[in-house]
Amino acid sequence: MKKCSCSECKNRLCATKVPIFENLEYEELLEISGKIDYREFDKEEVIFSEGAPADTMYFINGGKIKIYKYNKAGKEQILNVLADGEFFGELDLIKTSKYNFYAAAMEKTRICTLAKKEMKNIILRNPEIAVKLLENVGKRLYSLENLVQSLSTNDVDARIAFLLIEFMEKSSNVTDEGIEIKLTMKREDMANYIGVTRETISRKLKKFQDEGIIKIKKAKTIVILDEDRLYEKYNE
């Protein structure tokens, strides 16, 4: 893990990438940047473990992280995947607590951090940030509810459809062929996200392709050919 110098941290102005800070004045962003700690994490490096003191808010300045827990069988269960411009740790701002999940880098990742007390002061001076934080919490809870609903079904097709819809809603591009999505996880992480095996992921994606629902262009690129049928799969 590499820690940058204070001047380098200020120059990066990590706060400018965070949506909840987008309406702040330039001077306020400079002030926040001066209080930010900048760090780099290698692929698979753990950022914090379950049970660690929850005293920090994290802002992703580049790369991708996963939030996860381990189930009773000791298997990793991914709860969320966050990328450039997103943040985490906001649920623990109100009171002293400990993280009830793990966070790890999925690739080489740059992260800016703010101590919880500093973040509280920023919120007190800018109440609109608190509203944006609550909106973000709402979206996360909605996403988690959908994940729980998906995991509660034994229908693997529905789980695969859920995963593709998640990718489609987060990042997609409409082309002449259909809706092109980039798979932001490796197959193993995709499997850990929806509670299946890596082999099942590959087999089911091929099945969806044979049924004309998707087209696998590359290992990391899929085109949704029949969006309606995909949603039908999810709701079956």
Protein backbone atom coordinates (compact mmCIF):
# COMPACT_ATOMS: atom_id res chain seq x y z
CA MET A 1 0.00 0.00 0.00
CA LYS A 2 1.46 3.34 -1.06
CA LYS A 3 0.72 6.63 0.67
CA CYS A 4 1.18 9.80 -1.34
CA SER A 5 2.66 13.06 -0.09
CA CYS A 6 0.27 15.75 1.15
CA SER A 7 0.99 18.00 -1.85
CA GLU A 8 0.29 15.18 -4.31
CA CYS A 9 -2.97 14.46 -2.52
CA LYS A 10 -4.06 18.11 -2.84
CA ASN A 11 -3.13 18.26 -6.51
CA ARG A 12 -5.31 15.28 -7.33
CA LEU A 13 -8.37 16.98 -5.86
CA CYS A 14 -10.06 13.65 -5.26
CA ALA A 15 -13.19 15.41 -4.05
CA THR A 16 -13.97 16.70 -7.54
CA LYS A 17 -14.83 13.16 -8.65
CA VAL A 18 -17.37 12.60 -5.89
CA PRO A 19 -20.97 13.43 -6.93
CA ILE A 20 -22.01 14.51 -3.42
CA PHE A 21 -19.41 17.31 -3.54
CA GLU A 22 -20.24 18.53 -7.03
CA ASN A 23 -22.05 21.72 -5.95
CA LEU A 24 -19.41 22.92 -3.52
CA GLU A 25 -17.38 26.03 -4.18
CA TYR A 26 -13.81 25.60 -5.41
CA GLU A 27 -12.42 26.90 -2.11
CA GLU A 28 -14.46 24.33 -0.21
CA LEU A 29 -13.14 21.55 -2.44
CA LEU A 30 -9.61 22.74 -1.79
CA GLU A 31 -10.27 22.65 1.94
CA ILE A 32 -11.63 19.12 1.74
CA SER A 33 -8.72 17.99 -0.42
CA GLY A 34 -6.31 19.27 2.21
CA LYS A 35 -7.86 16.90 4.74
CA ILE A 36 -7.92 13.88 2.45
CA ASP A 37 -5.53 10.97 2.78
CA TYR A 38 -4.63 9.33 -0.53
CA ARG A 39 -3.73 5.65 -0.80
CA GLU A 40 -3.19 2.98 -3.44
CA PHE A 41 -4.19 -0.65 -3.11
CA ASP A 42 -3.02 -3.55 -5.24
CA LYS A 43 -5.39 -6.09 -6.78
CA GLU A 44 -6.98 -8.34 -4.12
CA GLU A 45 -5.53 -6.21 -1.30
CA VAL A 46 -7.94 -5.89 1.64
CA ILE A 47 -8.86 -2.29 2.46
CA PHE A 48 -10.47 -3.21 5.77
CA SER A 49 -11.85 -6.33 7.42
CA GLU A 50 -15.12 -7.06 9.14
CA GLY A 51 -14.90 -5.91 12.74
CA ALA A 52 -12.47 -3.05 12.08
CA PRO A 53 -13.38 0.35 13.62
CA ALA A 54 -15.69 2.25 11.26
CA ASP A 55 -14.05 5.65 11.51
CA THR A 56 -13.39 6.51 7.87
CA MET A 57 -15.24 7.39 4.68
CA TYR A 58 -13.75 6.13 1.42
CA PHE A 59 -13.89 7.72 -2.05
CA ILE A 60 -12.75 5.77 -5.11
CA ASN A 61 -10.38 7.86 -7.24
CA GLY A 62 -9.73 5.12 -9.79
CA GLY A 63 -10.20 1.37 -9.99
CA LYS A 64 -12.83 -0.90 -8.49
CA ILE A 65 -13.58 -2.43 -5.08
CA LYS A 66 -15.90 -5.12 -3.78
CA ILE A 67 -17.89 -5.16 -0.56
CA TYR A 68 -18.33 -8.71 0.70
CA LYS A 69 -18.92 -11.10 3.57
CA TYR A 70 -18.32 -14.81 4.13
CA ASN A 71 -21.26 -17.17 4.49
CA LYS A 72 -21.46 -20.03 6.98
CA ALA A 73 -19.69 -22.32 4.55
CA GLY A 74 -16.78 -19.89 4.34
CA LYS A 75 -17.63 -18.89 0.77
CA GLU A 76 -17.29 -15.27 -0.28
CA GLN A 77 -20.56 -13.45 -0.93
CA ILE A 78 -20.17 -10.18 -2.80
CA LEU A 79 -22.69 -7.54 -1.70
CA ASN A 80 -21.71 -4.69 -3.98
CA VAL A 81 -19.11 -3.58 -6.51
CA LEU A 82 -18.13 0.11 -6.58
CA ALA A 83 -16.03 2.00 -9.11
CA ASP A 84 -14.48 5.39 -9.88
CA GLY A 85 -16.36 8.30 -8.27
CA GLU A 86 -18.35 6.14 -5.85
CA PHE A 87 -17.88 6.02 -2.09
CA PHE A 88 -18.49 3.78 0.90
CA GLY A 89 -18.44 3.90 4.69
CA GLU A 90 -21.31 6.40 4.85
CA LEU A 91 -23.54 4.12 6.95
CA ASP A 92 -21.14 4.38 9.87
CA LEU A 93 -20.99 8.18 10.12
CA ILE A 94 -23.68 8.58 12.76
CA LYS A 95 -22.31 6.59 15.69
CA THR A 96 -19.26 4.68 16.80
CA SER A 97 -19.39 1.26 15.23
CA LYS A 98 -17.45 -1.44 13.43
CA TYR A 99 -17.61 -2.52 9.81
CA ASN A 100 -19.82 -5.57 9.33
CA PHE A 101 -18.30 -6.43 5.96
CA TYR A 102 -14.98 -6.62 4.13
CA ALA A 103 -13.73 -4.31 1.39
CA ALA A 104 -11.00 -5.26 -1.10
CA ALA A 105 -9.59 -3.92 -4.36
CA MET A 106 -10.60 -5.87 -7.48
CA GLU A 107 -7.82 -4.21 -9.46
CA LYS A 108 -5.16 -1.62 -8.75
CA THR A 109 -7.22 1.05 -7.04
CA ARG A 110 -6.72 4.61 -5.81
CA ILE A 111 -8.73 5.63 -2.79
CA CYS A 112 -9.12 8.91 -0.92
CA THR A 113 -10.23 8.82 2.69
CA LEU A 114 -11.72 11.28 5.14
CA ALA A 115 -11.86 10.74 8.89
CA LYS A 116 -15.42 10.41 10.14
CA LYS A 117 -15.15 13.54 12.28
CA GLU A 118 -14.02 15.57 9.25
CA MET A 119 -16.90 14.24 7.17
CA LYS A 120 -19.34 15.17 9.95
CA ASN A 121 -18.05 18.74 9.96
CA ILE A 122 -18.44 18.97 6.19
CA ILE A 123 -22.05 17.76 6.45
CA LEU A 124 -22.85 20.25 9.19
CA ARG A 125 -21.61 23.11 6.99
CA ASN A 126 -23.31 21.71 3.86
CA PRO A 127 -26.63 20.02 4.78
CA GLU A 128 -27.35 19.25 1.11
CA ILE A 129 -24.58 16.66 1.26
CA ALA A 130 -26.53 14.78 3.94
CA VAL A 131 -29.52 14.59 1.58
CA LYS A 132 -27.31 13.16 -1.18
CA LEU A 133 -25.86 10.65 1.26
CA LEU A 134 -29.38 9.51 2.18
CA GLU A 135 -30.25 9.17 -1.50
CA ASN A 136 -27.17 7.02 -1.98
CA VAL A 137 -28.08 4.87 1.03
CA GLY A 138 -31.53 4.38 -0.47
CA LYS A 139 -30.07 3.20 -3.77
CA ARG A 140 -27.70 0.81 -2.00
CA LEU A 141 -30.52 -0.67 0.07
CA TYR A 142 -32.68 -1.09 -3.04
CA SER A 143 -29.82 -2.87 -4.81
CA LEU A 144 -29.22 -5.09 -1.78
CA GLU A 145 -32.92 -5.98 -1.58
CA ASN A 146 -32.82 -7.03 -5.23
CA LEU A 147 -29.74 -9.14 -4.55
CA VAL A 148 -31.40 -10.85 -1.57
CA GLN A 149 -34.49 -11.50 -3.68
CA SER A 150 -32.32 -13.00 -6.40
CA LEU A 151 -30.40 -15.20 -3.97
CA SER A 152 -33.62 -16.43 -2.37
CA THR A 153 -34.68 -18.18 -5.56
CA ASN A 154 -33.32 -21.50 -6.73
CA ASP A 155 -33.80 -20.47 -10.35
CA VAL A 156 -30.27 -19.96 -11.67
CA ASP A 157 -31.57 -18.38 -14.89
CA ALA A 158 -33.21 -15.65 -12.78
CA ARG A 159 -29.93 -15.01 -10.98
CA ILE A 160 -28.02 -14.70 -14.24
CA ALA A 161 -30.67 -12.34 -15.59
CA PHE A 162 -30.42 -10.26 -12.40
CA LEU A 163 -26.65 -10.00 -12.86
CA LEU A 164 -26.93 -8.89 -16.49
CA ILE A 165 -29.61 -6.33 -15.61
CA GLU A 166 -27.33 -4.96 -12.88
CA PHE A 167 -24.54 -4.50 -15.40
CA MET A 168 -26.94 -3.01 -17.93
CA GLU A 169 -28.33 -0.45 -15.48
CA LYS A 170 -24.89 0.60 -14.23
CA SER A 171 -23.02 0.83 -17.52
CA SER A 172 -24.30 0.18 -21.01
CA ASN A 173 -24.17 1.54 -24.53
CA VAL A 174 -26.93 1.28 -27.12
CA THR A 175 -25.61 0.01 -30.48
CA ASP A 176 -27.18 -1.18 -33.72
CA GLU A 177 -26.96 -4.76 -32.40
CA GLY A 178 -28.53 -4.05 -29.03
CA ILE A 179 -27.52 -2.91 -25.56
CA GLU A 180 -23.79 -3.48 -25.13
CA ILE A 181 -22.55 -4.00 -21.59
CA LYS A 182 -19.07 -4.37 -20.17
CA LEU A 183 -18.62 -7.09 -17.58
CA THR A 184 -16.78 -5.38 -14.75
CA MET A 185 -16.13 -8.58 -12.81
CA LYS A 186 -14.16 -11.69 -13.54
CA ARG A 187 -16.18 -14.91 -13.75
CA GLU A 188 -15.27 -15.98 -10.20
CA ASP A 189 -16.52 -12.69 -8.74
CA MET A 190 -19.70 -12.90 -10.79
CA ALA A 191 -20.27 -16.36 -9.34
CA ASN A 192 -19.65 -15.09 -5.79
CA TYR A 193 -22.10 -12.26 -6.36
CA ILE A 194 -25.08 -14.45 -7.24
CA GLY A 195 -24.18 -17.61 -5.33
CA VAL A 196 -23.36 -20.02 -8.16
CA THR A 197 -20.20 -21.66 -9.48
CA ARG A 198 -17.93 -20.19 -12.13
CA GLU A 199 -18.78 -23.09 -14.44
CA THR A 200 -22.49 -22.35 -14.03
CA ILE A 201 -21.93 -18.73 -15.07
CA SER A 202 -20.21 -19.78 -18.30
CA ARG A 203 -22.79 -22.47 -19.08
CA LYS A 204 -25.78 -20.22 -18.47
CA LEU A 205 -24.37 -17.33 -20.50
CA LYS A 206 -23.97 -19.72 -23.42
CA LYS A 207 -27.57 -20.90 -22.88
CA PHE A 208 -28.81 -17.30 -22.96
CA GLN A 209 -26.88 -16.79 -26.19
CA ASP A 210 -28.36 -19.93 -27.75
CA GLU A 211 -31.84 -18.63 -26.84
CA GLY A 212 -31.13 -15.33 -28.62
CA ILE A 213 -31.28 -13.21 -25.46
CA ILE A 214 -27.64 -12.11 -25.56
CA LYS A 215 -24.61 -12.19 -27.79
CA ILE A 216 -21.19 -12.81 -26.27
CA LYS A 217 -18.81 -10.64 -28.29
CA LYS A 218 -15.73 -10.95 -26.09
CA ALA A 219 -14.89 -12.29 -22.66
CA LYS A 220 -15.79 -8.91 -21.14
CA THR A 221 -18.42 -7.69 -23.62
CA ILE A 222 -22.01 -8.87 -23.98
CA VAL A 223 -24.81 -7.46 -26.13
CA ILE A 224 -28.39 -7.70 -24.85
CA LEU A 225 -30.40 -8.66 -27.92
CA ASP A 226 -33.79 -9.18 -26.25
CA GLU A 227 -34.25 -6.96 -23.20
CA ASP A 228 -37.87 -8.00 -22.67
CA ARG A 229 -36.95 -11.68 -22.57
CA LEU A 230 -34.13 -10.92 -20.14
CA TYR A 231 -36.59 -9.30 -17.72
CA GLU A 232 -38.93 -12.25 -18.17
CA LYS A 233 -36.12 -14.56 -17.12
CA TYR A 234 -35.54 -12.41 -14.03
CA ASN A 235 -39.22 -12.50 -13.04
CA GLU A 236 -39.85 -16.19 -13.77
